[in-house]
């Protein structure tokens, strides 16, 4: 029986490679190089996720590079899908339209020096890139240039650079308003630094918010949730090291704090994301696993009333790995869980206080320790269902729920 099973697994893997050789640029070739079989995909523990392909970190960033943040872009003209992957040395641009055969099109080197932190977001077919590298500012790159790469990989130059701040830990963009929010800069006490990017290659300083000090990460939305007092306003939810802050940033000259909320066992308030109906906000604390010996924890707040947010529940994962960045798509919360890889959590019964893991794939094979290795970020928003995973040690993994 074991011998027959091994033959079956080998045939499945061989079949996937043969299928991936097809010249299919439509994005419909979804055959994985490494399907999840008996709990493993090419040695990676998995449940319900296939490993479509992998590009190692030294290919993306060069010898000695490490991976960090990532994002994605779909070309509205061609429908092609691209992974935008941060490394300690550059931003790498990968055509992943055929997810089993991704192509590194080129890299945009760091504006100054290397850094462990680089963050990328998109707006109006442009990428906006910040880093904690000294004097880096914000690089702007026209993503439509990726349509015409003749001899990949190319070394690109930025189309513009915004220099009103030096380093930044992160950048947030509200694509509905056309404003970017750089956080963790040396301006506005580390609070959000507003930038009008409606003309992407001519970004304009638009003020900032300093009252709640350092902001590590944020989500900014044009609000259409249950609190009708704030419908249509531009709302920033900041993860500010030791609390969550809710700020009305509609008037850039006069941002107004709406409320703040904290929670028990605060380690480092790191990053969070709204449910799609904007009733709940799911928060990750980066060091509570280290400081308090918890399993991977997600704290959930009820944001039905933005003026009076309340604690709703917490979810503990199956390992002690540190949760990093998480995003909601429909009824699934996808979390980059460092050494435990990507975890998918069913939140369809979140109102009743129930969250259940529905699948995972572990990009970091050695262990699930409480340590800063493995999956840094994910991008789960492609219409194809393919998911970008940027891994500190491993580089780019393209995975897909099966």
Protein backbone atom coordinates (compact mmCIF):
# COMPACT_ATOMS: atom_id res chain seq x y z
CA UNK A 1 0.00 0.00 0.00
CA UNK A 2 2.79 2.46 0.92
CA UNK A 3 4.62 1.70 -2.35
CA UNK A 4 1.44 2.27 -4.37
CA UNK A 5 0.84 5.56 -2.55
CA UNK A 6 4.37 6.77 -3.31
CA UNK A 7 3.85 6.00 -7.01
CA UNK A 8 0.57 7.92 -6.96
CA UNK A 9 2.21 10.96 -5.34
CA UNK A 10 5.07 10.89 -7.85
CA UNK A 11 2.63 10.70 -10.76
CA UNK A 12 0.65 13.63 -9.40
CA UNK A 13 3.77 15.79 -9.11
CA UNK A 14 4.97 14.75 -12.59
CA UNK A 15 1.54 15.51 -14.03
CA UNK A 16 1.59 18.97 -12.44
CA UNK A 17 4.97 19.81 -13.96
CA UNK A 18 3.89 18.58 -17.40
CA UNK A 19 0.77 20.73 -17.22
CA UNK A 20 2.76 23.76 -16.15
CA UNK A 21 4.81 23.58 -19.34
CA UNK A 22 1.78 24.64 -21.39
CA UNK A 23 2.12 28.14 -22.87
CA UNK A 24 -0.90 29.47 -21.01
CA UNK A 25 -0.87 33.21 -20.39
CA UNK A 26 -4.57 33.46 -19.62
CA UNK A 27 -4.19 32.91 -15.87
CA UNK A 28 -6.42 29.82 -16.10
CA UNK A 29 -3.63 27.26 -15.69
CA UNK A 30 -4.04 26.50 -12.00
CA UNK A 31 -2.22 23.17 -11.81
CA UNK A 32 0.11 23.18 -8.84
CA UNK A 33 3.72 22.14 -9.09
CA UNK A 34 3.31 20.67 -5.61
CA UNK A 35 -0.22 19.65 -4.63
CA UNK A 36 -0.95 19.02 -0.98
CA UNK A 37 -0.93 15.22 -0.66
CA UNK A 38 -1.10 13.41 2.68
CA UNK A 39 -0.36 16.62 4.53
CA UNK A 40 2.69 17.79 2.57
CA UNK A 41 3.48 19.86 -0.52
CA UNK A 42 7.14 19.41 -1.48
CA UNK A 43 7.98 18.91 2.19
CA UNK A 44 5.85 21.82 3.41
CA UNK A 45 3.17 20.83 5.92
CA UNK A 46 -0.25 21.71 4.50
CA UNK A 47 -3.98 21.25 4.76
CA UNK A 48 -6.23 22.48 1.98
CA UNK A 49 -3.52 24.52 0.21
CA UNK A 50 -1.34 23.63 -2.78
CA UNK A 51 2.09 25.09 -3.49
CA UNK A 52 1.90 26.48 -7.00
CA UNK A 53 5.58 27.54 -7.23
CA UNK A 54 8.49 29.12 -5.39
CA UNK A 55 11.21 31.67 -6.22
CA UNK A 56 14.07 31.64 -3.66
CA UNK A 57 15.06 34.83 -1.87
CA UNK A 58 18.57 34.96 -3.37
CA UNK A 59 17.01 35.06 -6.85
CA UNK A 60 14.79 37.97 -5.87
CA UNK A 61 17.22 39.99 -3.78
CA UNK A 62 20.71 38.60 -4.32
CA UNK A 63 23.09 36.79 -1.99
CA UNK A 64 22.38 37.41 1.65
CA UNK A 65 19.03 39.10 1.05
CA UNK A 66 16.01 38.54 3.28
CA UNK A 67 12.34 38.84 2.39
CA UNK A 68 9.87 41.23 3.98
CA UNK A 69 6.58 42.75 2.84
CA UNK A 70 4.64 42.18 -0.38
CA UNK A 71 1.59 43.20 -2.35
CA UNK A 72 -0.04 42.42 -5.68
CA UNK A 73 -1.27 44.13 -8.83
CA UNK A 74 -3.66 43.04 -11.57
CA UNK A 75 -3.16 44.83 -14.87
CA UNK A 76 -6.61 46.21 -15.76
CA UNK A 77 -5.75 46.16 -19.46
CA UNK A 78 -4.42 42.60 -19.76
CA UNK A 79 -5.70 40.85 -16.63
CA UNK A 80 -2.20 39.64 -15.84
CA UNK A 81 -1.30 39.20 -12.18
CA UNK A 82 1.93 40.40 -10.60
CA UNK A 83 3.57 39.81 -7.23
CA UNK A 84 5.40 42.83 -5.78
CA UNK A 85 7.89 41.47 -3.27
CA UNK A 86 10.02 43.46 -0.87
CA UNK A 87 13.49 42.28 0.05
CA UNK A 88 16.23 43.83 2.14
CA UNK A 89 17.90 45.08 -1.06
CA UNK A 90 15.10 45.92 -3.50
CA UNK A 91 11.52 45.56 -4.66
CA UNK A 92 11.09 42.60 -7.01
CA UNK A 93 8.35 42.38 -9.68
CA UNK A 94 7.14 38.91 -10.68
CA UNK A 95 4.64 38.00 -13.40
CA UNK A 96 2.60 35.21 -11.81
CA UNK A 97 -0.19 35.02 -14.38
CA UNK A 98 0.82 31.39 -14.82
CA UNK A 99 1.30 30.66 -11.11
CA UNK A 100 3.19 27.43 -11.76
CA UNK A 101 5.75 29.28 -13.89
CA UNK A 102 6.30 32.76 -12.42
CA UNK A 103 8.77 35.08 -14.14
CA UNK A 104 10.97 37.61 -12.33
CA UNK A 105 10.66 40.64 -14.62
CA UNK A 106 13.01 42.91 -12.73
CA UNK A 107 13.92 44.73 -9.55
CA UNK A 108 13.93 48.30 -8.27
CA UNK A 109 16.95 48.72 -5.97
CA UNK A 110 16.64 50.42 -2.61
CA UNK A 111 16.85 54.22 -2.87
CA UNK A 112 19.71 54.44 -0.35
CA UNK A 113 20.94 51.49 1.69
CA UNK A 114 19.66 48.03 2.50
CA UNK A 115 17.06 47.51 5.21
CA UNK A 116 15.13 44.65 6.76
CA UNK A 117 11.93 46.67 6.26
CA UNK A 118 10.36 47.56 2.92
CA UNK A 119 6.67 48.04 2.26
CA UNK A 120 4.74 48.26 -1.01
CA UNK A 121 1.18 49.31 -1.86
CA UNK A 122 -0.52 50.19 -5.16
CA UNK A 123 -2.79 52.87 -6.58
CA UNK A 124 -3.76 53.75 -10.15
CA UNK A 125 -1.31 51.28 -11.74
CA UNK A 126 1.66 52.52 -9.70
CA UNK A 127 3.59 50.99 -6.83
CA UNK A 128 4.53 53.11 -3.82
CA UNK A 129 7.52 51.81 -1.88
CA UNK A 130 8.91 52.89 1.48
CA UNK A 131 11.66 51.53 3.69
CA UNK A 132 13.32 52.07 7.03
CA UNK A 133 16.55 52.68 5.12
CA UNK A 134 17.84 56.13 6.08
CA UNK A 135 16.80 58.86 3.64
CA UNK A 136 14.83 56.44 1.46
CA UNK A 137 11.62 58.43 1.02
CA UNK A 138 8.84 56.99 -1.13
CA UNK A 139 9.67 55.49 -4.52
CA UNK A 140 6.96 55.56 -7.20
CA UNK A 141 7.06 52.97 -9.98
CA UNK A 142 4.77 52.83 -13.02
CA UNK A 143 3.61 49.21 -13.08
CA UNK A 144 2.48 49.41 -16.71
CA UNK A 145 6.18 49.25 -17.59
CA UNK A 146 5.98 45.55 -16.71
CA UNK A 147 3.99 44.95 -19.91
CA UNK A 148 7.03 45.60 -22.07
CA UNK A 149 9.96 43.85 -20.40
CA UNK A 150 11.96 42.32 -23.24
CA UNK A 151 14.88 40.70 -21.41
CA UNK A 152 14.02 39.87 -17.82
CA UNK A 153 15.16 40.43 -15.20
CA UNK A 154 15.75 44.14 -15.69
CA UNK A 155 17.06 46.65 -13.16
CA UNK A 156 14.51 49.46 -12.98
CA UNK A 157 14.69 53.07 -11.85
CA UNK A 158 11.91 54.89 -10.02
CA UNK A 159 9.54 57.14 -11.94
CA UNK A 160 9.42 59.56 -9.00
CA UNK A 161 10.64 59.85 -5.43
CA UNK A 162 8.86 61.67 -2.61
CA UNK A 163 11.33 63.10 -0.10
CA UNK A 164 9.20 64.88 2.52
CA UNK A 165 10.21 62.17 4.98
CA UNK A 166 13.30 59.99 5.19
CA UNK A 167 12.54 56.51 6.46
CA UNK A 168 9.09 55.00 6.96
CA UNK A 169 8.06 51.72 8.48
CA UNK A 170 4.99 51.24 6.38
CA UNK A 171 2.66 52.79 3.84
CA UNK A 172 -1.12 52.59 3.65
CA UNK A 173 -3.25 53.67 0.69
CA UNK A 174 -6.96 54.36 0.39
CA UNK A 175 -7.51 53.66 -3.28
CA UNK A 176 -10.96 55.30 -3.18
CA UNK A 177 -9.61 58.70 -2.12
CA UNK A 178 -6.17 58.64 -3.74
CA UNK A 179 -4.32 59.37 -0.51
CA UNK A 180 -1.34 57.53 0.94
CA UNK A 181 -0.47 57.42 4.62
CA UNK A 182 3.16 56.78 5.54
CA UNK A 183 3.49 55.59 9.12
CA UNK A 184 6.49 55.26 11.38
CA UNK A 185 8.34 58.18 9.80
CA UNK A 186 10.34 60.84 11.63
CA UNK A 187 7.50 63.34 10.97
CA UNK A 188 4.31 63.90 13.02
CA UNK A 189 5.77 62.02 16.01
CA UNK A 190 5.71 58.87 13.90
CA UNK A 191 1.99 59.26 13.25
CA UNK A 192 0.47 59.08 9.76
CA UNK A 193 1.99 61.42 7.16
CA UNK A 194 -0.63 62.27 4.51
CA UNK A 195 0.28 62.32 0.80
CA UNK A 196 -1.98 63.18 -2.12
CA UNK A 197 -1.10 60.62 -4.83
CA UNK A 198 -3.99 61.28 -7.20
CA UNK A 199 -1.32 62.18 -9.74
CA UNK A 200 0.95 59.24 -8.86
CA UNK A 201 4.23 60.59 -10.21
CA UNK A 202 3.68 64.00 -8.60
CA UNK A 203 2.89 63.19 -4.96
CA UNK A 204 2.06 66.19 -2.76
CA UNK A 205 2.41 66.54 1.02
CA UNK A 206 -1.03 66.88 2.62
CA UNK A 207 -0.37 67.17 6.34
CA UNK A 208 -0.45 64.52 9.03
CA UNK A 209 -1.68 63.43 12.45
CA UNK A 210 0.62 63.58 15.47
CA UNK A 211 -1.71 63.35 18.46
CA UNK A 212 -1.45 59.61 19.10
CA UNK A 213 2.29 59.34 18.43
CA UNK A 214 3.92 56.41 16.65
CA UNK A 215 1.74 54.37 14.32
CA UNK A 216 3.15 51.01 13.29
CA UNK A 217 0.51 50.15 10.72
CA UNK A 218 -2.98 51.23 9.72
CA UNK A 219 -5.96 50.57 7.51
CA UNK A 220 -7.71 53.53 5.90
CA UNK A 221 -11.16 53.17 4.38
CA UNK A 222 -13.97 55.26 2.99
CA UNK A 223 -16.43 54.13 5.62
CA UNK A 224 -19.68 52.36 4.70
CA UNK A 225 -20.20 50.26 7.82
CA UNK A 226 -22.98 50.06 10.40
CA UNK A 227 -22.18 53.33 12.23
CA UNK A 228 -24.18 55.76 10.10
CA UNK A 229 -22.70 58.75 11.95
CA UNK A 230 -19.54 58.22 9.90
CA UNK A 231 -20.85 57.04 6.53
CA UNK A 232 -18.78 58.38 3.64
CA UNK A 233 -15.97 59.66 5.85
CA UNK A 234 -12.36 58.63 5.46
CA UNK A 235 -11.49 56.63 8.58
CA UNK A 236 -8.02 55.54 9.72
CA UNK A 237 -7.63 52.64 12.14
CA UNK A 238 -4.11 52.76 13.53
CA UNK A 239 -2.23 49.94 15.22
CA UNK A 240 -0.14 52.10 17.51
CA UNK A 241 2.14 49.82 19.55
CA UNK A 242 -0.02 49.83 22.71
CA UNK A 243 -3.53 50.64 21.49
CA UNK A 244 -5.82 50.87 18.48
CA UNK A 245 -6.87 54.38 17.44
CA UNK A 246 -9.76 55.39 15.19
CA UNK A 247 -9.31 58.76 13.48
CA UNK A 248 -11.45 60.74 11.02
CA UNK A 249 -8.96 61.91 8.37
CA UNK A 250 -11.52 63.26 5.90
CA UNK A 251 -10.31 66.82 6.43
CA UNK A 252 -6.54 66.52 6.05
CA UNK A 253 -6.09 69.91 7.71
CA UNK A 254 -8.10 68.86 10.74
CA UNK A 255 -7.95 65.11 11.50
CA UNK A 256 -10.05 64.20 14.54
CA UNK A 257 -9.68 61.28 16.92
CA UNK A 258 -12.94 59.34 17.21
CA UNK A 259 -11.89 56.82 19.87
CA UNK A 260 -9.18 54.47 21.15
CA UNK A 261 -9.25 50.97 22.57
CA UNK A 262 -6.76 48.67 24.26
CA UNK A 263 -6.96 45.03 25.40
CA UNK A 264 -5.45 42.58 27.86
CA UNK A 265 -1.91 41.18 27.53
CA UNK A 266 -0.64 43.92 25.24
CA UNK A 267 2.74 43.09 23.74
CA UNK A 268 3.05 45.13 20.53
CA UNK A 269 -0.13 46.30 18.77
CA UNK A 270 0.94 45.47 15.24
CA UNK A 271 -1.63 45.28 12.43
CA UNK A 272 -5.33 44.75 11.84
CA UNK A 273 -8.07 44.52 9.22
CA UNK A 274 -11.81 45.12 8.99
CA UNK A 275 -14.28 42.40 8.16
CA UNK A 276 -15.92 43.23 4.84
CA UNK A 277 -19.09 44.51 6.53
CA UNK A 278 -16.93 46.71 8.79
CA UNK A 279 -18.59 45.34 11.93
CA UNK A 280 -15.45 43.74 13.34
CA UNK A 281 -11.75 44.60 13.37
CA UNK A 282 -9.26 41.72 13.62
CA UNK A 283 -5.97 42.68 15.29
CA UNK A 284 -2.62 40.96 15.55
CA UNK A 285 -0.22 41.64 18.44
CA UNK A 286 3.33 40.82 17.38
CA UNK A 287 4.92 40.00 20.73
CA UNK A 288 2.14 38.63 22.94
CA UNK A 289 3.25 35.10 22.11
CA UNK A 290 6.75 35.98 23.34
CA UNK A 291 5.74 38.06 26.34
CA UNK A 292 2.88 35.95 27.68
CA UNK A 293 3.46 32.44 26.28
CA UNK A 294 0.25 32.48 24.25
CA UNK A 295 -0.47 30.55 21.09
CA UNK A 296 -0.92 32.70 17.98
CA UNK A 297 -3.60 35.18 19.01
CA UNK A 298 -6.05 37.33 17.07
CA UNK A 299 -7.97 39.95 19.07
CA UNK A 300 -11.39 40.87 17.67
CA UNK A 301 -13.14 44.17 18.39
CA UNK A 302 -16.75 45.04 17.73
CA UNK A 303 -16.63 48.26 15.68
CA UNK A 304 -20.40 48.62 15.23
CA UNK A 305 -20.11 51.97 17.01
CA UNK A 306 -16.83 53.66 16.07
CA UNK A 307 -17.24 56.07 18.97
CA UNK A 308 -17.44 53.19 21.43
CA UNK A 309 -15.48 50.15 20.17
CA UNK A 310 -15.56 47.11 22.46
CA UNK A 311 -13.66 43.85 22.84
CA UNK A 312 -15.54 40.98 21.20
CA UNK A 313 -13.40 37.82 21.39
CA UNK A 314 -9.96 36.38 20.87
CA UNK A 315 -8.85 33.44 18.74
CA UNK A 316 -5.88 31.25 19.61
CA UNK A 317 -4.21 29.26 16.85
CA UNK A 318 -2.76 25.74 17.10
CA UNK A 319 0.89 26.80 17.46
CA UNK A 320 3.01 29.29 19.36
CA UNK A 321 4.16 30.97 16.14
CA UNK A 322 3.98 34.78 16.01
CA UNK A 323 1.15 36.21 13.93
CA UNK A 324 2.23 39.06 11.67
CA UNK A 325 -0.03 40.47 8.91
CA UNK A 326 -3.63 39.40 8.34
CA UNK A 327 -6.32 40.24 5.76
CA UNK A 328 -10.00 39.41 5.30
CA UNK A 329 -11.46 38.08 2.05
CA UNK A 330 -15.14 37.21 2.36
CA UNK A 331 -15.51 34.90 5.34
CA UNK A 332 -11.84 33.96 5.52
CA UNK A 333 -9.12 35.64 7.55
CA UNK A 334 -5.70 34.92 6.04
CA UNK A 335 -2.74 35.38 8.39
CA UNK A 336 1.00 35.33 7.73
CA UNK A 337 2.00 33.40 10.82
CA UNK A 338 5.82 33.55 10.63
CA UNK A 339 7.19 30.04 11.35
CA UNK A 340 3.74 28.45 10.93
CA UNK A 341 3.26 29.86 7.43
CA UNK A 342 -0.12 30.93 6.07
CA UNK A 343 -3.19 30.16 8.17
CA UNK A 344 -6.75 30.46 6.84
CA UNK A 345 -9.42 31.03 9.49
CA UNK A 346 -13.16 30.74 8.88
CA UNK A 347 -14.88 33.81 10.37
CA UNK A 348 -18.40 33.10 9.10
CA UNK A 349 -19.57 32.70 12.72
CA UNK A 350 -17.51 35.52 14.20
CA UNK A 351 -20.65 37.25 15.49
CA UNK A 352 -21.23 34.21 17.70
CA UNK A 353 -17.64 34.27 18.93
CA UNK A 354 -16.50 31.35 16.76
CA UNK A 355 -13.40 31.29 14.53
CA UNK A 356 -12.09 28.00 13.13
CA UNK A 357 -8.94 27.27 11.15
CA UNK A 358 -9.93 25.98 7.71
CA UNK A 359 -6.50 25.34 6.16
CA UNK A 360 -2.82 26.23 6.09
CA UNK A 361 0.48 25.83 4.30
CA UNK A 362 3.75 26.21 6.19
CA UNK A 363 6.41 28.00 4.14
CA UNK A 364 8.99 27.58 6.94
CA UNK A 365 9.69 23.85 7.29
CA UNK A 366 12.15 23.59 10.25
CA UNK A 367 9.72 24.34 13.11
CA UNK A 368 6.79 26.40 14.39
CA UNK A 369 8.79 28.15 17.09
CA UNK A 370 7.96 31.56 18.55
CA UNK A 371 10.58 33.28 16.40
CA UNK A 372 11.03 35.81 13.60
CA UNK A 373 11.43 33.44 10.67
CA UNK A 374 9.12 32.48 7.85
CA UNK A 375 6.01 34.12 6.40
CA UNK A 376 6.08 37.93 6.73
CA UNK A 377 3.13 38.90 4.53
CA UNK A 378 0.48 37.58 2.21
CA UNK A 379 -1.60 39.09 -0.59
CA UNK A 380 -4.89 37.16 -0.93
CA UNK A 381 -6.87 39.56 -3.12
CA UNK A 382 -6.33 38.20 -6.66
CA UNK A 383 -9.50 37.20 -8.50
CA UNK A 384 -7.74 33.97 -9.53
CA UNK A 385 -7.53 32.80 -5.91
CA UNK A 386 -3.75 32.58 -6.02
CA UNK A 387 -2.02 34.00 -2.94
CA UNK A 388 1.36 35.72 -2.67
CA UNK A 389 3.45 34.78 0.35
CA UNK A 390 6.65 36.69 1.08
CA UNK A 391 8.90 34.70 3.38
CA UNK A 392 11.92 36.11 5.24
CA UNK A 393 14.04 33.04 4.61
CA UNK A 394 12.42 31.50 1.54
CA UNK A 395 11.45 34.37 -0.78
CA UNK A 396 8.24 34.17 -2.82
CA UNK A 397 5.77 31.33 -2.50
CA UNK A 398 2.63 31.24 -4.62
CA UNK A 399 -0.04 29.14 -2.95
CA UNK A 400 -3.68 28.41 -3.58
CA UNK A 401 -6.59 26.89 -1.60
CA UNK A 402 -7.44 23.54 -3.14
